[in-house]
Amino acid sequence: MCFYEPEEIFLCFVPLFVAVDALEYCRCFGAYGGMDRKVRQRTIKEALLTAMIVAVGFIYLGKIVFRLMGITENDFMVAGGVLLFAIATSICFAVKKPLEISKASAWFRWASADRGPAVLTTGLMLIDAYGTVPTLAAMTINIVIAGVFF
């Protein structure tokens, strides 16, 4: 069994912590304060479980899928930037009446669109630099911290 240095996990943890930015989600999630306590707890658990499944799945399958499709990491980063630009442009210059959604829901959707590609791209880069196990450990720690903040 291979043991990893705590330094490697820490070096993976820091960029993921910045990319996840759990404190920003707390600001958005605070708007759900009027929600029933049980519903709020179930929502938090579902969000954390979904984040963990997507992160672990992407860590193990991301490069394989990209390789099969002929997509490089740089392609993924550019596509993520284009997607964020398109979302921001549609929000800023919307001609039609915007969808009737709560302010908290809109903020959460924007934050998810912003953080998702950043976290996944950071994870891919960290796998190359430090390996799968330290990256997975750091990702798990970040998701647990996000759960504590919520």
N, C-alpha and C. Protein backbone atom coordinates (compact mmCIF):
# COMPACT_ATOMS: atom_id res chain seq x y z
N MET A 1 0.85 -1.18 0.00
CA MET A 1 0.00 0.00 0.00
C MET A 1 0.89 1.24 0.00
N CYS A 2 0.52 2.20 -0.82
CA CYS A 2 1.32 3.41 -0.95
C CYS A 2 0.71 4.52 -0.08
N PHE A 3 1.53 5.11 0.77
CA PHE A 3 1.06 6.20 1.60
C PHE A 3 1.54 7.51 1.00
N TYR A 4 0.68 8.48 1.01
CA TYR A 4 1.01 9.77 0.42
C TYR A 4 1.35 10.76 1.51
N GLU A 5 2.23 11.63 1.16
CA GLU A 5 2.64 12.68 2.08
C GLU A 5 1.47 13.64 2.30
N PRO A 6 1.29 14.10 3.53
CA PRO A 6 0.24 15.10 3.77
C PRO A 6 0.45 16.36 2.92
N GLU A 7 1.71 16.64 2.59
CA GLU A 7 2.01 17.81 1.77
C GLU A 7 1.35 17.70 0.39
N GLU A 8 1.36 16.50 -0.20
CA GLU A 8 0.73 16.31 -1.51
C GLU A 8 -0.77 16.54 -1.45
N ILE A 9 -1.39 16.04 -0.39
CA ILE A 9 -2.84 16.24 -0.23
C ILE A 9 -3.13 17.72 -0.02
N PHE A 10 -2.30 18.38 0.78
CA PHE A 10 -2.49 19.82 1.02
C PHE A 10 -2.32 20.61 -0.28
N LEU A 11 -1.32 20.25 -1.08
CA LEU A 11 -1.09 20.95 -2.35
C LEU A 11 -2.23 20.71 -3.34
N CYS A 12 -2.94 19.62 -3.21
CA CYS A 12 -4.15 19.39 -4.00
C CYS A 12 -5.35 20.11 -3.39
N PHE A 13 -5.38 20.16 -2.07
CA PHE A 13 -6.52 20.74 -1.35
C PHE A 13 -6.67 22.24 -1.64
N VAL A 14 -5.58 22.98 -1.61
CA VAL A 14 -5.65 24.44 -1.72
C VAL A 14 -6.29 24.90 -3.04
N PRO A 15 -5.80 24.45 -4.21
CA PRO A 15 -6.46 24.92 -5.43
C PRO A 15 -7.91 24.45 -5.55
N LEU A 16 -8.21 23.27 -5.05
CA LEU A 16 -9.60 22.82 -5.07
C LEU A 16 -10.47 23.64 -4.13
N PHE A 17 -9.93 24.03 -2.98
CA PHE A 17 -10.67 24.86 -2.04
C PHE A 17 -11.03 26.19 -2.68
N VAL A 18 -10.09 26.76 -3.41
CA VAL A 18 -10.35 28.03 -4.10
C VAL A 18 -11.38 27.83 -5.20
N ALA A 19 -11.27 26.73 -5.96
CA ALA A 19 -12.20 26.48 -7.06
C ALA A 19 -13.61 26.18 -6.55
N VAL A 20 -13.71 25.40 -5.47
CA VAL A 20 -15.03 25.06 -4.92
C VAL A 20 -15.69 26.28 -4.31
N ASP A 21 -14.93 27.06 -3.54
CA ASP A 21 -15.41 28.29 -2.92
C ASP A 21 -16.72 28.07 -2.16
N ALA A 22 -16.66 27.17 -1.18
CA ALA A 22 -17.84 26.80 -0.40
C ALA A 22 -18.47 27.98 0.32
N LEU A 23 -17.66 28.96 0.71
CA LEU A 23 -18.21 30.13 1.40
C LEU A 23 -19.18 30.90 0.51
N GLU A 24 -18.90 30.94 -0.78
CA GLU A 24 -19.80 31.63 -1.70
C GLU A 24 -21.14 30.91 -1.82
N TYR A 25 -21.11 29.58 -1.80
CA TYR A 25 -22.35 28.83 -1.84
C TYR A 25 -23.17 29.05 -0.57
N CYS A 26 -22.49 29.24 0.55
CA CYS A 26 -23.22 29.47 1.80
C CYS A 26 -24.05 30.75 1.72
N ARG A 27 -23.49 31.76 1.07
CA ARG A 27 -24.22 33.02 0.92
C ARG A 27 -25.50 32.77 0.13
N CYS A 28 -25.39 31.99 -0.91
CA CYS A 28 -26.55 31.66 -1.72
C CYS A 28 -27.51 30.76 -0.96
N PHE A 29 -26.97 29.75 -0.29
CA PHE A 29 -27.81 28.78 0.39
C PHE A 29 -28.52 29.40 1.58
N GLY A 30 -27.96 30.47 2.14
CA GLY A 30 -28.61 31.16 3.24
C GLY A 30 -29.97 31.71 2.87
N ALA A 31 -30.18 31.97 1.60
CA ALA A 31 -31.47 32.48 1.14
C ALA A 31 -32.56 31.42 1.25
N TYR A 32 -32.16 30.17 1.43
CA TYR A 32 -33.13 29.10 1.60
C TYR A 32 -33.54 28.95 3.07
N GLY A 33 -33.28 29.94 3.88
CA GLY A 33 -33.56 29.88 5.31
C GLY A 33 -35.01 29.62 5.63
N GLY A 34 -35.93 30.04 4.77
CA GLY A 34 -37.35 29.83 5.00
C GLY A 34 -37.81 28.42 4.70
N MET A 35 -36.91 27.60 4.18
CA MET A 35 -37.23 26.23 3.81
C MET A 35 -37.39 25.38 5.08
N ASP A 36 -38.26 24.40 5.02
CA ASP A 36 -38.43 23.47 6.11
C ASP A 36 -37.09 22.81 6.45
N ARG A 37 -36.83 22.59 7.73
CA ARG A 37 -35.52 22.07 8.17
C ARG A 37 -35.19 20.72 7.53
N LYS A 38 -36.16 19.81 7.50
CA LYS A 38 -35.92 18.49 6.91
C LYS A 38 -35.65 18.58 5.42
N VAL A 39 -36.40 19.43 4.74
CA VAL A 39 -36.20 19.61 3.30
C VAL A 39 -34.82 20.22 3.04
N ARG A 40 -34.43 21.19 3.86
CA ARG A 40 -33.12 21.83 3.71
C ARG A 40 -32.00 20.81 3.93
N GLN A 41 -32.13 19.97 4.96
CA GLN A 41 -31.10 18.96 5.22
C GLN A 41 -31.03 17.93 4.09
N ARG A 42 -32.18 17.53 3.58
CA ARG A 42 -32.19 16.58 2.46
C ARG A 42 -31.55 17.20 1.23
N THR A 43 -31.84 18.48 0.99
CA THR A 43 -31.26 19.18 -0.16
C THR A 43 -29.74 19.25 -0.04
N ILE A 44 -29.25 19.54 1.16
CA ILE A 44 -27.80 19.61 1.39
C ILE A 44 -27.18 18.24 1.14
N LYS A 45 -27.78 17.19 1.69
CA LYS A 45 -27.23 15.85 1.51
C LYS A 45 -27.22 15.45 0.03
N GLU A 46 -28.29 15.75 -0.68
CA GLU A 46 -28.35 15.42 -2.10
C GLU A 46 -27.29 16.19 -2.89
N ALA A 47 -27.11 17.47 -2.55
CA ALA A 47 -26.11 18.28 -3.25
C ALA A 47 -24.70 17.75 -3.01
N LEU A 48 -24.40 17.39 -1.77
CA LEU A 48 -23.07 16.87 -1.45
C LEU A 48 -22.83 15.51 -2.09
N LEU A 49 -23.85 14.65 -2.07
CA LEU A 49 -23.71 13.34 -2.70
C LEU A 49 -23.52 13.48 -4.21
N THR A 50 -24.29 14.35 -4.82
CA THR A 50 -24.15 14.59 -6.26
C THR A 50 -22.76 15.13 -6.59
N ALA A 51 -22.28 16.09 -5.78
CA ALA A 51 -20.94 16.65 -6.00
C ALA A 51 -19.88 15.56 -5.90
N MET A 52 -20.03 14.68 -4.93
CA MET A 52 -19.03 13.62 -4.74
C MET A 52 -19.06 12.63 -5.90
N ILE A 53 -20.25 12.24 -6.34
CA ILE A 53 -20.37 11.29 -7.45
C ILE A 53 -19.78 11.88 -8.73
N VAL A 54 -20.11 13.13 -9.02
CA VAL A 54 -19.60 13.78 -10.23
C VAL A 54 -18.08 13.92 -10.14
N ALA A 55 -17.57 14.36 -8.99
CA ALA A 55 -16.12 14.56 -8.83
C ALA A 55 -15.36 13.24 -8.98
N VAL A 56 -15.81 12.21 -8.29
CA VAL A 56 -15.12 10.92 -8.35
C VAL A 56 -15.23 10.33 -9.76
N GLY A 57 -16.42 10.43 -10.33
CA GLY A 57 -16.60 9.94 -11.70
C GLY A 57 -15.70 10.65 -12.68
N PHE A 58 -15.59 11.95 -12.54
CA PHE A 58 -14.75 12.72 -13.45
C PHE A 58 -13.28 12.42 -13.23
N ILE A 59 -12.88 12.23 -11.99
CA ILE A 59 -11.49 11.91 -11.71
C ILE A 59 -11.10 10.59 -12.38
N TYR A 60 -11.97 9.60 -12.31
CA TYR A 60 -11.65 8.29 -12.87
C TYR A 60 -11.95 8.17 -14.36
N LEU A 61 -12.97 8.85 -14.84
CA LEU A 61 -13.39 8.67 -16.22
C LEU A 61 -13.11 9.85 -17.14
N GLY A 62 -12.83 11.02 -16.58
CA GLY A 62 -12.67 12.24 -17.37
C GLY A 62 -11.64 12.12 -18.48
N LYS A 63 -10.45 11.71 -18.13
CA LYS A 63 -9.39 11.62 -19.14
C LYS A 63 -9.68 10.55 -20.18
N ILE A 64 -10.28 9.46 -19.76
CA ILE A 64 -10.62 8.38 -20.70
C ILE A 64 -11.64 8.88 -21.73
N VAL A 65 -12.68 9.53 -21.23
CA VAL A 65 -13.72 10.06 -22.13
C VAL A 65 -13.13 11.12 -23.05
N PHE A 66 -12.32 12.01 -22.50
CA PHE A 66 -11.69 13.04 -23.32
C PHE A 66 -10.82 12.42 -24.41
N ARG A 67 -10.04 11.42 -24.03
CA ARG A 67 -9.15 10.77 -24.99
C ARG A 67 -9.97 10.10 -26.11
N LEU A 68 -11.05 9.42 -25.74
CA LEU A 68 -11.90 8.77 -26.74
C LEU A 68 -12.55 9.78 -27.69
N MET A 69 -12.86 10.96 -27.18
CA MET A 69 -13.51 11.98 -28.00
C MET A 69 -12.51 12.90 -28.69
N GLY A 70 -11.22 12.75 -28.37
CA GLY A 70 -10.20 13.60 -28.98
C GLY A 70 -10.16 15.00 -28.40
N ILE A 71 -10.58 15.14 -27.15
CA ILE A 71 -10.61 16.44 -26.49
C ILE A 71 -9.40 16.55 -25.57
N THR A 72 -8.68 17.67 -25.67
CA THR A 72 -7.55 17.90 -24.77
C THR A 72 -8.02 18.73 -23.58
N GLU A 73 -7.18 18.80 -22.56
CA GLU A 73 -7.53 19.62 -21.39
C GLU A 73 -7.68 21.08 -21.78
N ASN A 74 -6.84 21.55 -22.69
CA ASN A 74 -6.94 22.94 -23.14
C ASN A 74 -8.27 23.18 -23.85
N ASP A 75 -8.71 22.21 -24.65
CA ASP A 75 -10.02 22.32 -25.30
C ASP A 75 -11.13 22.48 -24.26
N PHE A 76 -11.04 21.67 -23.20
CA PHE A 76 -12.03 21.70 -22.13
C PHE A 76 -12.04 23.06 -21.43
N MET A 77 -10.86 23.61 -21.18
CA MET A 77 -10.77 24.91 -20.51
C MET A 77 -11.35 26.01 -21.39
N VAL A 78 -11.05 25.98 -22.69
CA VAL A 78 -11.59 26.99 -23.61
C VAL A 78 -13.10 26.86 -23.70
N ALA A 79 -13.60 25.64 -23.82
CA ALA A 79 -15.05 25.42 -23.89
C ALA A 79 -15.74 25.92 -22.63
N GLY A 80 -15.13 25.68 -21.47
CA GLY A 80 -15.70 26.18 -20.22
C GLY A 80 -15.76 27.69 -20.20
N GLY A 81 -14.71 28.34 -20.68
CA GLY A 81 -14.70 29.80 -20.76
C GLY A 81 -15.75 30.34 -21.70
N VAL A 82 -15.90 29.70 -22.84
CA VAL A 82 -16.92 30.11 -23.81
C VAL A 82 -18.31 29.94 -23.21
N LEU A 83 -18.53 28.82 -22.53
CA LEU A 83 -19.82 28.58 -21.89
C LEU A 83 -20.13 29.64 -20.84
N LEU A 84 -19.16 29.97 -20.00
CA LEU A 84 -19.38 31.00 -18.98
C LEU A 84 -19.66 32.35 -19.62
N PHE A 85 -18.93 32.66 -20.71
CA PHE A 85 -19.16 33.92 -21.40
C PHE A 85 -20.58 33.97 -21.97
N ALA A 86 -21.03 32.86 -22.56
CA ALA A 86 -22.37 32.81 -23.13
C ALA A 86 -23.43 32.97 -22.05
N ILE A 87 -23.24 32.32 -20.90
CA ILE A 87 -24.20 32.45 -19.80
C ILE A 87 -24.24 33.89 -19.29
N ALA A 88 -23.06 34.48 -19.09
CA ALA A 88 -23.00 35.86 -18.59
C ALA A 88 -23.63 36.82 -19.58
N THR A 89 -23.37 36.63 -20.87
CA THR A 89 -23.94 37.50 -21.90
C THR A 89 -25.46 37.39 -21.92
N SER A 90 -25.97 36.17 -21.84
CA SER A 90 -27.42 35.99 -21.87
C SER A 90 -28.08 36.60 -20.65
N ILE A 91 -27.40 36.58 -19.52
CA ILE A 91 -27.96 37.19 -18.31
C ILE A 91 -27.94 38.71 -18.42
N CYS A 92 -26.83 39.26 -18.91
CA CYS A 92 -26.67 40.72 -18.97
C CYS A 92 -27.54 41.37 -20.04
N PHE A 93 -27.70 40.69 -21.17
CA PHE A 93 -28.39 41.31 -22.30
C PHE A 93 -29.71 40.63 -22.65
N ALA A 94 -30.35 40.07 -21.67
CA ALA A 94 -31.62 39.37 -21.91
C ALA A 94 -32.66 40.36 -22.40
N VAL A 95 -33.25 40.07 -23.55
CA VAL A 95 -34.29 40.92 -24.12
C VAL A 95 -35.65 40.47 -23.62
N LYS A 96 -35.82 39.16 -23.53
CA LYS A 96 -37.09 38.61 -23.07
C LYS A 96 -37.18 38.73 -21.56
N LYS A 97 -38.40 38.58 -21.08
CA LYS A 97 -38.61 38.58 -19.64
C LYS A 97 -37.87 37.39 -19.04
N PRO A 98 -37.03 37.63 -18.02
CA PRO A 98 -36.30 36.50 -17.44
C PRO A 98 -37.24 35.49 -16.81
N LEU A 99 -36.76 34.27 -16.70
CA LEU A 99 -37.55 33.23 -16.06
C LEU A 99 -37.90 33.63 -14.64
N GLU A 100 -39.04 33.25 -14.21
CA GLU A 100 -39.48 33.58 -12.87
C GLU A 100 -38.92 32.55 -11.90
N ILE A 101 -37.75 32.84 -11.40
CA ILE A 101 -37.13 31.98 -10.40
C ILE A 101 -36.65 32.86 -9.26
N SER A 102 -36.52 32.26 -8.11
CA SER A 102 -36.12 33.03 -6.95
C SER A 102 -34.69 33.52 -7.11
N LYS A 103 -34.37 34.57 -6.39
CA LYS A 103 -33.02 35.13 -6.44
C LYS A 103 -31.99 34.10 -5.98
N ALA A 104 -32.33 33.34 -4.96
CA ALA A 104 -31.41 32.32 -4.44
C ALA A 104 -31.17 31.24 -5.49
N SER A 105 -32.22 30.83 -6.16
CA SER A 105 -32.10 29.79 -7.17
C SER A 105 -31.24 30.27 -8.33
N ALA A 106 -31.44 31.51 -8.76
CA ALA A 106 -30.65 32.07 -9.84
C ALA A 106 -29.18 32.15 -9.45
N TRP A 107 -28.90 32.59 -8.23
CA TRP A 107 -27.52 32.70 -7.76
C TRP A 107 -26.87 31.31 -7.70
N PHE A 108 -27.62 30.32 -7.20
CA PHE A 108 -27.08 28.97 -7.09
C PHE A 108 -26.77 28.40 -8.47
N ARG A 109 -27.65 28.64 -9.44
CA ARG A 109 -27.41 28.15 -10.79
C ARG A 109 -26.17 28.80 -11.38
N TRP A 110 -26.02 30.11 -11.19
CA TRP A 110 -24.84 30.79 -11.72
C TRP A 110 -23.58 30.26 -11.05
N ALA A 111 -23.62 30.12 -9.74
CA ALA A 111 -22.44 29.64 -9.01
C ALA A 111 -22.08 28.23 -9.44
N SER A 112 -23.07 27.38 -9.68
CA SER A 112 -22.81 26.02 -10.12
C SER A 112 -22.18 26.01 -11.51
N ALA A 113 -22.69 26.85 -12.40
CA ALA A 113 -22.13 26.91 -13.75
C ALA A 113 -20.71 27.43 -13.72
N ASP A 114 -20.42 28.33 -12.78
CA ASP A 114 -19.08 28.91 -12.67
C ASP A 114 -18.11 27.93 -12.02
N ARG A 115 -18.52 27.29 -10.95
CA ARG A 115 -17.61 26.44 -10.18
C ARG A 115 -17.39 25.08 -10.81
N GLY A 116 -18.41 24.51 -11.44
CA GLY A 116 -18.30 23.16 -11.99
C GLY A 116 -17.10 22.96 -12.90
N PRO A 117 -16.99 23.73 -14.01
CA PRO A 117 -15.85 23.54 -14.89
C PRO A 117 -14.52 23.85 -14.20
N ALA A 118 -14.52 24.81 -13.30
CA ALA A 118 -13.27 25.16 -12.60
C ALA A 118 -12.80 24.00 -11.73
N VAL A 119 -13.71 23.39 -11.01
CA VAL A 119 -13.34 22.28 -10.13
C VAL A 119 -12.89 21.08 -10.94
N LEU A 120 -13.61 20.77 -12.02
CA LEU A 120 -13.26 19.60 -12.82
C LEU A 120 -11.92 19.80 -13.53
N THR A 121 -11.69 20.99 -14.07
CA THR A 121 -10.41 21.26 -14.73
C THR A 121 -9.27 21.23 -13.73
N THR A 122 -9.48 21.82 -12.56
CA THR A 122 -8.45 21.79 -11.52
C THR A 122 -8.15 20.36 -11.11
N GLY A 123 -9.19 19.55 -10.97
CA GLY A 123 -8.99 18.14 -10.63
C GLY A 123 -8.14 17.42 -11.67
N LEU A 124 -8.42 17.66 -12.95
CA LEU A 124 -7.63 17.03 -14.01
C LEU A 124 -6.16 17.43 -13.94
N MET A 125 -5.91 18.70 -13.71
CA MET A 125 -4.52 19.17 -13.62
C MET A 125 -3.82 18.59 -12.40
N LEU A 126 -4.54 18.46 -11.29
CA LEU A 126 -3.94 17.93 -10.06
C LEU A 126 -3.63 16.44 -10.18
N ILE A 127 -4.45 15.71 -10.92
CA ILE A 127 -4.17 14.29 -11.13
C ILE A 127 -2.83 14.13 -11.84
N ASP A 128 -2.58 14.98 -12.84
CA ASP A 128 -1.30 14.91 -13.56
C ASP A 128 -0.14 15.26 -12.65
N ALA A 129 -0.35 16.23 -11.77
CA ALA A 129 0.75 16.71 -10.93
C ALA A 129 1.01 15.82 -9.71
N TYR A 130 -0.05 15.33 -9.05
CA TYR A 130 0.12 14.64 -7.77
C TYR A 130 -0.43 13.22 -7.74
N GLY A 131 -1.24 12.84 -8.71
CA GLY A 131 -1.80 11.50 -8.73
C GLY A 131 -3.26 11.49 -8.32
N THR A 132 -3.87 10.34 -8.50
CA THR A 132 -5.31 10.19 -8.26
C THR A 132 -5.66 10.20 -6.78
N VAL A 133 -4.90 9.49 -5.96
CA VAL A 133 -5.26 9.36 -4.54
C VAL A 133 -5.20 10.70 -3.81
N PRO A 134 -4.11 11.48 -3.91
CA PRO A 134 -4.11 12.78 -3.22
C PRO A 134 -5.21 13.71 -3.74
N THR A 135 -5.48 13.66 -5.05
CA THR A 135 -6.52 14.52 -5.62
C THR A 135 -7.89 14.10 -5.09
N LEU A 136 -8.14 12.81 -5.06
CA LEU A 136 -9.41 12.30 -4.55
C LEU A 136 -9.57 12.63 -3.07
N ALA A 137 -8.50 12.49 -2.29
CA ALA A 137 -8.56 12.83 -0.86
C ALA A 137 -8.86 14.32 -0.68
N ALA A 138 -8.19 15.16 -1.45
CA ALA A 138 -8.41 16.60 -1.34
C ALA A 138 -9.83 16.97 -1.76
N MET A 139 -10.33 16.33 -2.80
CA MET A 139 -11.69 16.59 -3.26
C MET A 139 -12.70 16.19 -2.18
N THR A 140 -12.48 15.04 -1.56
CA THR A 140 -13.37 14.57 -0.49
C THR A 140 -13.35 15.54 0.69
N ILE A 141 -12.17 15.98 1.08
CA ILE A 141 -12.06 16.93 2.19
C ILE A 141 -12.81 18.21 1.86
N ASN A 142 -12.68 18.71 0.63
CA ASN A 142 -13.38 19.93 0.24
C ASN A 142 -14.89 19.76 0.27
N ILE A 143 -15.38 18.61 -0.15
CA ILE A 143 -16.82 18.37 -0.12
C ILE A 143 -17.32 18.27 1.33
N VAL A 144 -16.55 17.64 2.18
CA VAL A 144 -16.92 17.57 3.60
C VAL A 144 -16.94 18.98 4.21
N ILE A 145 -15.96 19.80 3.89
CA ILE A 145 -15.93 21.18 4.39
C ILE A 145 -17.15 21.95 3.89
N ALA A 146 -17.50 21.77 2.62
CA ALA A 146 -18.70 22.44 2.10
C ALA A 146 -19.94 22.00 2.87
N GLY A 147 -20.01 20.70 3.21
CA GLY A 147 -21.13 20.21 4.00
C GLY A 147 -21.20 20.84 5.38
N VAL A 148 -20.03 21.03 5.98
CA VAL A 148 -19.97 21.67 7.31
C VAL A 148 -20.44 23.12 7.19
N PHE A 149 -20.01 23.83 6.15
CA PHE A 149 -20.44 25.23 5.96
C PHE A 149 -21.94 25.32 5.78
N PHE A 150 -22.50 24.37 5.01
CA PHE A 150 -23.96 24.39 4.79
C PHE A 150 -24.69 24.12 6.08
